[in-house]
C-alpha atoms as a PDB file:
ATOM      1  CA  UNK A   1      -0.103   0.142  -0.040  1.00  0.00           C
ATOM      2  CA  UNK A   2       1.361   3.313  -1.049  1.00  0.00           C
ATOM      3  CA  UNK A   3       1.830   6.485   1.151  1.00  0.00           C
ATOM      4  CA  UNK A   4      -1.105   9.298   0.202  1.00  0.00           C
ATOM      5  CA  UNK A   5       0.287  12.761   0.116  1.00  0.00           C
ATOM      6  CA  UNK A   6      -1.989  15.572   1.697  1.00  0.00           C
ATOM      7  CA  UNK A   7      -4.782  16.601  -0.238  1.00  0.00           C
ATOM      8  CA  UNK A   8      -4.683  13.847  -2.650  1.00  0.00           C
ATOM      9  CA  UNK A   9      -8.319  12.755  -1.734  1.00  0.00           C
ATOM     10  CA  UNK A  10      -9.554  16.376  -2.366  1.00  0.00           C
ATOM     11  CA  UNK A  11     -12.600  16.039  -4.801  1.00  0.00           C
ATOM     12  CA  UNK A  12     -12.063  17.742  -8.140  1.00  0.00           C
ATOM     13  CA  UNK A  13     -15.196  19.812  -7.715  1.00  0.00           C
ATOM     14  CA  UNK A  14     -13.630  21.372  -4.362  1.00  0.00           C
ATOM     15  CA  UNK A  15     -10.419  22.235  -6.630  1.00  0.00           C
ATOM     16  CA  UNK A  16     -12.766  23.773  -9.133  1.00  0.00           C
ATOM     17  CA  UNK A  17     -14.378  26.027  -6.825  1.00  0.00           C
ATOM     18  CA  UNK A  18     -11.052  27.167  -5.343  1.00  0.00           C
ATOM     19  CA  UNK A  19      -9.844  27.651  -8.648  1.00  0.00           C
ATOM     20  CA  UNK A  20     -13.069  29.811  -9.623  1.00  0.00           C
ATOM     21  CA  UNK A  21     -12.561  32.071  -6.328  1.00  0.00           C
ATOM     22  CA  UNK A  22      -9.312  33.135  -7.252  1.00  0.00           C
ATOM     23  CA  UNK A  23      -9.947  34.056 -10.412  1.00  0.00           C
ATOM     24  CA  UNK A  24     -12.547  36.180  -9.118  1.00  0.00           C
ATOM     25  CA  UNK A  25     -10.570  38.018  -6.568  1.00  0.00           C
ATOM     26  CA  UNK A  26      -7.876  38.414  -9.145  1.00  0.00           C
ATOM     27  CA  UNK A  27     -10.228  40.043 -11.724  1.00  0.00           C
ATOM     28  CA  UNK A  28     -11.634  42.272  -8.947  1.00  0.00           C
ATOM     29  CA  UNK A  29      -8.354  43.369  -7.699  1.00  0.00           C
ATOM     30  CA  UNK A  30      -7.077  44.429 -11.346  1.00  0.00           C
ATOM     31  CA  UNK A  31     -10.236  46.266 -12.093  1.00  0.00           C
ATOM     32  CA  UNK A  32     -10.032  48.117  -8.911  1.00  0.00           C
ATOM     33  CA  UNK A  33      -5.999  48.732  -9.546  1.00  0.00           C
ATOM     34  CA  UNK A  34      -7.464  50.127 -13.364  1.00  0.00           C
ATOM     35  CA  UNK A  35     -10.053  52.222 -11.556  1.00  0.00           C
ATOM     36  CA  UNK A  36      -7.461  53.744  -8.967  1.00  0.00           C
ATOM     37  CA  UNK A  37      -5.205  54.963 -12.068  1.00  0.00           C
ATOM     38  CA  UNK A  38      -7.557  56.364 -14.085  1.00  0.00           C
ATOM     39  CA  UNK A  39      -8.767  58.316 -11.267  1.00  0.00           C
ATOM     40  CA  UNK A  40      -5.748  59.451 -10.659  1.00  0.00           C
ATOM     41  CA  UNK A  41      -4.916  61.095 -14.181  1.00  0.00           C
ATOM     42  CA  UNK A  42      -8.523  62.186 -14.661  1.00  0.00           C
ATOM     43  CA  UNK A  43      -8.444  66.157 -13.816  1.00  0.00           C
ATOM     44  CA  UNK A  44     -11.050  67.367 -11.405  1.00  0.00           C
ATOM     45  CA  UNK A  45     -14.310  68.929 -12.424  1.00  0.00           C
ATOM     46  CA  UNK A  46     -12.822  72.737 -11.377  1.00  0.00           C
ATOM     47  CA  UNK A  47      -9.486  72.502 -13.766  1.00  0.00           C
ATOM     48  CA  UNK A  48     -11.210  72.643 -16.691  1.00  0.00           C
ATOM     49  CA  UNK A  49     -13.424  75.659 -15.746  1.00  0.00           C
ATOM     50  CA  UNK A  50     -10.424  77.356 -14.467  1.00  0.00           C
ATOM     51  CA  UNK A  51      -8.284  76.779 -17.768  1.00  0.00           C
ATOM     52  CA  UNK A  52     -11.038  77.614 -19.844  1.00  0.00           C
ATOM     53  CA  UNK A  53     -11.479  80.938 -17.679  1.00  0.00           C
ATOM     54  CA  UNK A  54      -7.778  81.696 -18.077  1.00  0.00           C
ATOM     55  CA  UNK A  55      -7.579  80.391 -21.782  1.00  0.00           C
ATOM     56  CA  UNK A  56     -10.654  83.187 -22.635  1.00  0.00           C
ATOM     57  CA  UNK A  57      -9.297  85.900 -24.549  1.00  0.00           C
ATOM     58  CA  UNK A  58      -9.328  89.347 -22.856  1.00  0.00           C
ATOM     59  CA  UNK A  59     -12.204  91.422 -23.755  1.00  0.00           C
ATOM     60  CA  UNK A  60     -11.124  94.276 -26.289  1.00  0.00           C
ATOM     61  CA  UNK A  61     -11.776  98.065 -25.392  1.00  0.00           C
ATOM     62  CA  UNK A  62     -13.796  98.446 -27.900  1.00  0.00           C
ATOM     63  CA  UNK A  63     -16.237  95.386 -26.793  1.00  0.00           C
ATOM     64  CA  UNK A  64     -16.020  97.015 -23.403  1.00  0.00           C
ATOM     65  CA  UNK A  65     -17.687  99.880 -24.788  1.00  0.00           C
ATOM     66  CA  UNK A  66     -19.922  97.987 -26.817  1.00  0.00           C
ATOM     67  CA  UNK A  67     -21.664  96.575 -23.768  1.00  0.00           C
ATOM     68  CA  UNK A  68     -22.035  99.758 -21.677  1.00  0.00           C
ATOM     69  CA  UNK A  69     -25.026 101.453 -22.139  1.00  0.00           C
ATOM     70  CA  UNK A  70     -25.748 104.114 -24.488  1.00  0.00           C
ATOM     71  CA  UNK A  71     -25.312 107.331 -21.704  1.00  0.00           C
ATOM     72  CA  UNK A  72     -21.835 105.354 -20.534  1.00  0.00           C
ATOM     73  CA  UNK A  73     -20.551 104.725 -24.481  1.00  0.00           C
ATOM     74  CA  UNK A  74     -21.251 108.400 -25.206  1.00  0.00           C
ATOM     75  CA  UNK A  75     -19.453 109.691 -22.055  1.00  0.00           C
ATOM     76  CA  UNK A  76     -16.464 107.148 -22.852  1.00  0.00           C
ATOM     77  CA  UNK A  77     -16.621 108.350 -26.458  1.00  0.00           C
ATOM     78  CA  UNK A  78     -16.124 112.002 -25.647  1.00  0.00           C
ATOM     79  CA  UNK A  79     -13.343 111.284 -22.922  1.00  0.00           C
ATOM     80  CA  UNK A  80     -11.310 109.634 -25.527  1.00  0.00           C
ATOM     81  CA  UNK A  81     -12.058 112.281 -27.720  1.00  0.00           C
ATOM     82  CA  UNK A  82     -10.750 114.870 -25.081  1.00  0.00           C
ATOM     83  CA  UNK A  83      -7.669 112.752 -24.193  1.00  0.00           C
ATOM     84  CA  UNK A  84      -6.594 112.703 -28.097  1.00  0.00           C
ATOM     85  CA  UNK A  85      -7.038 116.198 -28.426  1.00  0.00           C
ATOM     86  CA  UNK A  86      -5.005 117.172 -24.950  1.00  0.00           C
ATOM     87  CA  UNK A  87      -7.943 118.710 -23.163  1.00  0.00           C
ATOM     88  CA  UNK A  88      -9.751 117.185 -20.025  1.00  0.00           C
ATOM     89  CA  UNK A  89     -12.873 116.037 -20.044  1.00  0.00           C
ATOM     90  CA  UNK A  90     -16.101 117.439 -18.677  1.00  0.00           C
ATOM     91  CA  UNK A  91     -17.968 115.756 -15.757  1.00  0.00           C
ATOM     92  CA  UNK A  92     -20.455 113.372 -16.708  1.00  0.00           C
ATOM     93  CA  UNK A  93     -23.687 114.994 -14.590  1.00  0.00           C
ATOM     94  CA  UNK A  94     -25.099 112.689 -12.303  1.00  0.00           C
ATOM     95  CA  UNK A  95     -28.531 110.532 -13.099  1.00  0.00           C
ATOM     96  CA  UNK A  96     -30.447 111.639 -10.167  1.00  0.00           C
ATOM     97  CA  UNK A  97     -29.442 115.110  -9.045  1.00  0.00           C
ATOM     98  CA  UNK A  98     -30.377 116.087  -5.477  1.00  0.00           C
ATOM     99  CA  UNK A  99     -33.290 118.453  -6.481  1.00  0.00           C
ATOM    100  CA  UNK A 100     -34.827 115.814  -8.198  1.00  0.00           C
ATOM    101  CA  UNK A 101     -34.750 113.559  -5.786  1.00  0.00           C
ATOM    102  CA  UNK A 102     -36.488 116.022  -3.510  1.00  0.00           C
ATOM    103  CA  UNK A 103     -39.431 116.976  -6.314  1.00  0.00           C
ATOM    104  CA  UNK A 104     -37.629 119.886  -7.632  1.00  0.00           C
ATOM    105  CA  UNK A 105     -36.643 121.195  -4.451  1.00  0.00           C
ATOM    106  CA  UNK A 106     -33.044 122.454  -3.663  1.00  0.00           C
ATOM    107  CA  UNK A 107     -31.691 119.945  -1.212  1.00  0.00           C
ATOM    108  CA  UNK A 108     -30.812 121.368   2.400  1.00  0.00           C
ATOM    109  CA  UNK A 109     -26.981 120.501   3.825  1.00  0.00           C
ATOM    110  CA  UNK A 110     -27.209 117.870   7.013  1.00  0.00           C
ATOM    111  CA  UNK A 111     -23.615 119.663   7.947  1.00  0.00           C
ATOM    112  CA  UNK A 112     -22.377 116.197   8.454  1.00  0.00           C
ATOM    113  CA  UNK A 113     -21.113 115.052   4.729  1.00  0.00           C
ATOM    114  CA  UNK A 114     -17.448 114.568   4.269  1.00  0.00           C
ATOM    115  CA  UNK A 115     -15.540 117.681   4.645  1.00  0.00           C
ATOM    116  CA  UNK A 116     -18.277 119.385   6.315  1.00  0.00           C
ATOM    117  CA  UNK A 117     -18.038 119.926   9.675  1.00  0.00           C
ATOM    118  CA  UNK A 118     -21.129 120.329  11.921  1.00  0.00           C
ATOM    119  CA  UNK A 119     -21.922 123.849  13.965  1.00  0.00           C
ATOM    120  CA  UNK A 120     -21.077 123.862  17.577  1.00  0.00           C
ATOM    121  CA  UNK A 121     -23.889 124.302  19.611  1.00  0.00           C
ATOM    122  CA  UNK A 122     -24.350 127.772  20.800  1.00  0.00           C
ATOM    123  CA  UNK A 123     -23.350 128.804  24.145  1.00  0.00           C
ATOM    124  CA  UNK A 124     -25.650 130.785  26.648  1.00  0.00           C
ATOM    125  CA  UNK A 125     -25.884 134.299  26.374  1.00  0.00           C
ATOM    126  CA  UNK A 126     -26.259 134.434  30.304  1.00  0.00           C
ATOM    127  CA  UNK A 127     -23.598 132.349  31.519  1.00  0.00           C
ATOM    128  CA  UNK A 128     -21.799 133.884  34.163  1.00  0.00           C
ATOM    129  CA  UNK A 129     -17.798 135.176  34.675  1.00  0.00           C
ATOM    130  CA  UNK A 130     -16.082 134.437  37.282  1.00  0.00           C
ATOM    131  CA  UNK A 131     -16.711 137.021  40.381  1.00  0.00           C
ATOM    132  CA  UNK A 132     -13.795 137.387  43.095  1.00  0.00           C
ATOM    133  CA  UNK A 133     -14.957 139.406  46.264  1.00  0.00           C
ATOM    134  CA  UNK A 134     -12.365 140.828  48.312  1.00  0.00           C
ATOM    135  CA  UNK A 135     -11.265 141.122  51.617  1.00  0.00           C
ATOM    136  CA  UNK A 136      -9.807 143.248  54.311  1.00  0.00           C
ATOM    137  CA  UNK A 137      -6.226 142.356  55.926  1.00  0.00           C
ATOM    138  CA  UNK A 138      -6.469 139.348  58.417  1.00  0.00           C
ATOM    139  CA  UNK A 139     -10.523 139.106  58.396  1.00  0.00           C
ATOM    140  CA  UNK A 140     -13.115 136.935  56.910  1.00  0.00           C
ATOM    141  CA  UNK A 141     -15.874 139.158  56.309  1.00  0.00           C
ATOM    142  CA  UNK A 142     -16.375 139.892  52.685  1.00  0.00           C
ATOM    143  CA  UNK A 143     -16.466 143.332  50.939  1.00  0.00           C
ATOM    144  CA  UNK A 144     -19.298 142.989  48.773  1.00  0.00           C
ATOM    145  CA  UNK A 145     -20.084 146.879  47.937  1.00  0.00           C
ATOM    146  CA  UNK A 146     -18.305 146.742  44.513  1.00  0.00           C
ATOM    147  CA  UNK A 147     -19.458 143.384  43.525  1.00  0.00           C
ATOM    148  CA  UNK A 148     -23.157 143.731  44.477  1.00  0.00           C
ATOM    149  CA  UNK A 149     -24.412 143.550  41.133  1.00  0.00           C
ATOM    150  CA  UNK A 150     -22.507 140.507  39.577  1.00  0.00           C
ATOM    151  CA  UNK A 151     -23.589 138.687  42.682  1.00  0.00           C
ATOM    152  CA  UNK A 152     -27.391 139.291  42.414  1.00  0.00           C
ATOM    153  CA  UNK A 153     -26.935 137.995  38.891  1.00  0.00           C
ATOM    154  CA  UNK A 154     -24.853 134.792  39.935  1.00  0.00           C
ATOM    155  CA  UNK A 155     -27.996 134.559  42.719  1.00  0.00           C
ATOM    156  CA  UNK A 156     -30.901 134.702  39.656  1.00  0.00           C
ATOM    157  CA  UNK A 157     -28.697 132.632  37.575  1.00  0.00           C
ATOM    158  CA  UNK A 158     -28.322 129.510  40.145  1.00  0.00           C
ATOM    159  CA  UNK A 159     -32.067 130.214  40.539  1.00  0.00           C
ATOM    160  CA  UNK A 160     -32.886 129.672  36.953  1.00  0.00           C
ATOM    161  CA  UNK A 161     -30.782 126.688  36.290  1.00  0.00           C
ATOM    162  CA  UNK A 162     -31.096 124.310  39.368  1.00  0.00           C
ATOM    163  CA  UNK A 163     -28.867 121.901  37.541  1.00  0.00           C
ATOM    164  CA  UNK A 164     -25.675 124.315  38.036  1.00  0.00           C
ATOM    165  CA  UNK A 165     -23.487 124.663  41.037  1.00  0.00           C
ATOM    166  CA  UNK A 166     -20.964 127.036  42.306  1.00  0.00           C
ATOM    167  CA  UNK A 167     -17.382 126.666  43.174  1.00  0.00           C
ATOM    168  CA  UNK A 168     -16.151 128.974  45.973  1.00  0.00           C
ATOM    169  CA  UNK A 169     -12.562 129.270  46.436  1.00  0.00           C
ATOM    170  CA  UNK A 170     -10.813 131.119  49.102  1.00  0.00           C
ATOM    171  CA  UNK A 171      -7.150 132.780  48.689  1.00  0.00           C
ATOM    172  CA  UNK A 172      -4.728 134.587  51.077  1.00  0.00           C
ATOM    173  CA  UNK A 173      -1.855 137.174  50.861  1.00  0.00           C
ATOM    174  CA  UNK A 174       1.350 135.635  51.878  1.00  0.00           C
ATOM    175  CA  UNK A 175       1.566 137.532  55.419  1.00  0.00           C
ATOM    176  CA  UNK A 176       1.795 135.318  58.346  1.00  0.00           C
ATOM    177  CA  UNK A 177       1.947 131.573  58.649  1.00  0.00           C
ATOM    178  CA  UNK A 178       1.091 129.149  55.590  1.00  0.00           C
ATOM    179  CA  UNK A 179      -0.895 126.802  57.899  1.00  0.00           C
ATOM    180  CA  UNK A 180      -2.488 130.054  59.559  1.00  0.00           C
ATOM    181  CA  UNK A 181      -3.515 131.302  55.928  1.00  0.00           C
ATOM    182  CA  UNK A 182      -5.011 127.971  54.745  1.00  0.00           C
ATOM    183  CA  UNK A 183      -7.363 128.115  57.335  1.00  0.00           C
ATOM    184  CA  UNK A 184      -8.130 131.929  56.958  1.00  0.00           C
ATOM    185  CA  UNK A 185      -8.629 131.117  53.047  1.00  0.00           C
ATOM    186  CA  UNK A 186     -11.155 128.374  54.229  1.00  0.00           C
ATOM    187  CA  UNK A 187     -13.130 130.757  56.442  1.00  0.00           C
ATOM    188  CA  UNK A 188     -13.338 133.278  53.534  1.00  0.00           C
ATOM    189  CA  UNK A 189     -14.762 130.752  51.555  1.00  0.00           C
ATOM    190  CA  UNK A 190     -17.329 129.506  54.125  1.00  0.00           C
ATOM    191  CA  UNK A 191     -18.644 133.409  54.612  1.00  0.00           C
ATOM    192  CA  UNK A 192     -19.275 133.653  50.964  1.00  0.00           C
ATOM    193  CA  UNK A 193     -21.234 130.217  51.123  1.00  0.00           C
ATOM    194  CA  UNK A 194     -23.248 131.688  53.862  1.00  0.00           C
ATOM    195  CA  UNK A 195     -23.739 134.915  52.313  1.00  0.00           C
ATOM    196  CA  UNK A 196     -25.486 132.935  49.099  1.00  0.00           C
ATOM    197  CA  UNK A 197     -27.377 130.800  51.544  1.00  0.00           C
ATOM    198  CA  UNK A 198     -28.989 134.168  52.890  1.00  0.00           C
ATOM    199  CA  UNK A 199     -29.558 134.703  49.207  1.00  0.00           C
ATOM    200  CA  UNK A 200     -32.094 131.489  48.687  1.00  0.00           C
ATOM    201  CA  UNK A 201     -28.588 129.364  47.321  1.00  0.00           C
ATOM    202  CA  UNK A 202     -28.290 126.152  49.398  1.00  0.00           C
ATOM    203  CA  UNK A 203     -25.253 124.886  50.441  1.00  0.00           C
ATOM    204  CA  UNK A 204     -25.337 121.558  49.051  1.00  0.00           C
ATOM    205  CA  UNK A 205     -25.121 123.427  45.623  1.00  0.00           C
ATOM    206  CA  UNK A 206     -21.780 124.941  46.569  1.00  0.00           C
ATOM    207  CA  UNK A 207     -18.332 123.120  46.461  1.00  0.00           C
ATOM    208  CA  UNK A 208     -15.601 124.747  49.078  1.00  0.00           C
ATOM    209  CA  UNK A 209     -12.044 125.450  48.013  1.00  0.00           C
ATOM    210  CA  UNK A 210      -9.312 126.803  49.930  1.00  0.00           C
ATOM    211  CA  UNK A 211      -5.859 127.306  48.185  1.00  0.00           C
ATOM    212  CA  UNK A 212      -4.375 129.585  51.097  1.00  0.00           C
ATOM    213  CA  UNK A 213      -1.694 131.921  49.847  1.00  0.00           C
ATOM    214  CA  UNK A 214      -0.265 129.019  47.362  1.00  0.00           C
ATOM    215  CA  UNK A 215      -2.426 130.886  44.131  1.00  0.00           C
ATOM    216  CA  UNK A 216      -1.627 134.231  43.617  1.00  0.00           C
ATOM    217  CA  UNK A 217      -2.798 136.017  40.906  1.00  0.00           C
ATOM    218  CA  UNK A 218      -0.540 136.063  38.177  1.00  0.00           C
ATOM    219  CA  UNK A 219       1.921 139.021  37.585  1.00  0.00           C
ATOM    220  CA  UNK A 220       0.715 140.038  41.459  1.00  0.00           C
ATOM    221  CA  UNK A 221       3.133 139.899  44.154  1.00  0.00           C
ATOM    222  CA  UNK A 222       2.156 137.610  46.939  1.00  0.00           C
ATOM    223  CA  UNK A 223       2.034 140.206  49.684  1.00  0.00           C
ATOM    224  CA  UNK A 224      -0.580 142.313  47.680  1.00  0.00           C
ATOM    225  CA  UNK A 225      -4.142 142.954  48.851  1.00  0.00           C
ATOM    226  CA  UNK A 226      -5.617 141.822  45.614  1.00  0.00           C
ATOM    227  CA  UNK A 227      -4.727 138.104  46.489  1.00  0.00           C
ATOM    228  CA  UNK A 228      -7.309 138.484  49.848  1.00  0.00           C
ATOM    229  CA  UNK A 229      -9.915 137.213  47.773  1.00  0.00           C
ATOM    230  CA  UNK A 230     -12.509 134.593  47.238  1.00  0.00           C
ATOM    231  CA  UNK A 231     -13.571 133.178  43.633  1.00  0.00           C
ATOM    232  CA  UNK A 232     -16.610 132.151  42.311  1.00  0.00           C
ATOM    233  CA  UNK A 233     -17.354 130.267  39.431  1.00  0.00           C
ATOM    234  CA  UNK A 234     -20.355 128.442  37.829  1.00  0.00           C
ATOM    235  CA  UNK A 235     -19.929 124.720  37.157  1.00  0.00           C
ATOM    236  CA  UNK A 236     -22.038 122.070  35.600  1.00  0.00           C
ATOM    237  CA  UNK A 237     -24.727 124.547  33.691  1.00  0.00           C
ATOM    238  CA  UNK A 238     -25.668 123.212  30.260  1.00  0.00           C
ATOM    239  CA  UNK A 239     -23.936 124.685  27.456  1.00  0.00           C
ATOM    240  CA  UNK A 240     -22.111 127.218  29.090  1.00  0.00           C
ATOM    241  CA  UNK A 241     -18.555 127.502  28.177  1.00  0.00           C
ATOM    242  CA  UNK A 242     -16.320 128.122  30.804  1.00  0.00           C
ATOM    243  CA  UNK A 243     -13.100 130.251  29.925  1.00  0.00           C
ATOM    244  CA  UNK A 244      -9.745 128.997  31.364  1.00  0.00           C
ATOM    245  CA  UNK A 245      -8.730 131.218  34.363  1.00  0.00           C
ATOM    246  CA  UNK A 246     -12.072 133.218  34.283  1.00  0.00           C
ATOM    247  CA  UNK A 247     -12.646 136.812  34.537  1.00  0.00           C
ATOM    248  CA  UNK A 248     -12.887 138.693  37.943  1.00  0.00           C
ATOM    249  CA  UNK A 249     -15.242 141.671  38.675  1.00  0.00           C
END
């Protein structure tokens, strides 16, 4: 009895099936490989369009002019003729004027267009200037004889404009110790606040400041009697334009 090799007893039909499966697998692999190659070589849909756009010939100036509306063609023709003659062309009129858009009436400028500055709001005609109330030496009693009209005008203004406040700032000359002068300037400011209170201006509408001898008048010696003063200046009034440094009365 001879020895049999492994698989020698395998039926013939089973061998034919395996051979058929192998052929199908090989055919499918070849078809997938050919499809992949054709996909790599085939250009994307966007590329022909891009080549077509880039390859399209540029429109000639005559074609551009022909494609424009009649009014634009006339303007282009006049501009070309003026360029050949060496004279600048006249600007073409706007298709719709401002007067036509308003039914034949001239348009009003808003003052806010390019290059047009809006007008500044007008200031009040009754804005109060800075008032300076003088004082005697080493004393906190105000001298109001010469400033009574201006002081009465300030009181009336504050009554008409309840939003306004008044800064009350006391000053002294340079005689005496600095600490004493600082306290004296505060006493003078308080005296003016009480004076305004007697005229109907409540204290909560005042802002007290004490400068002592440290803010003399410009160009005036520190020991001059002109520095013995209390300054009154309106703050917070609508549309009032405060002048730097103010003016005195």
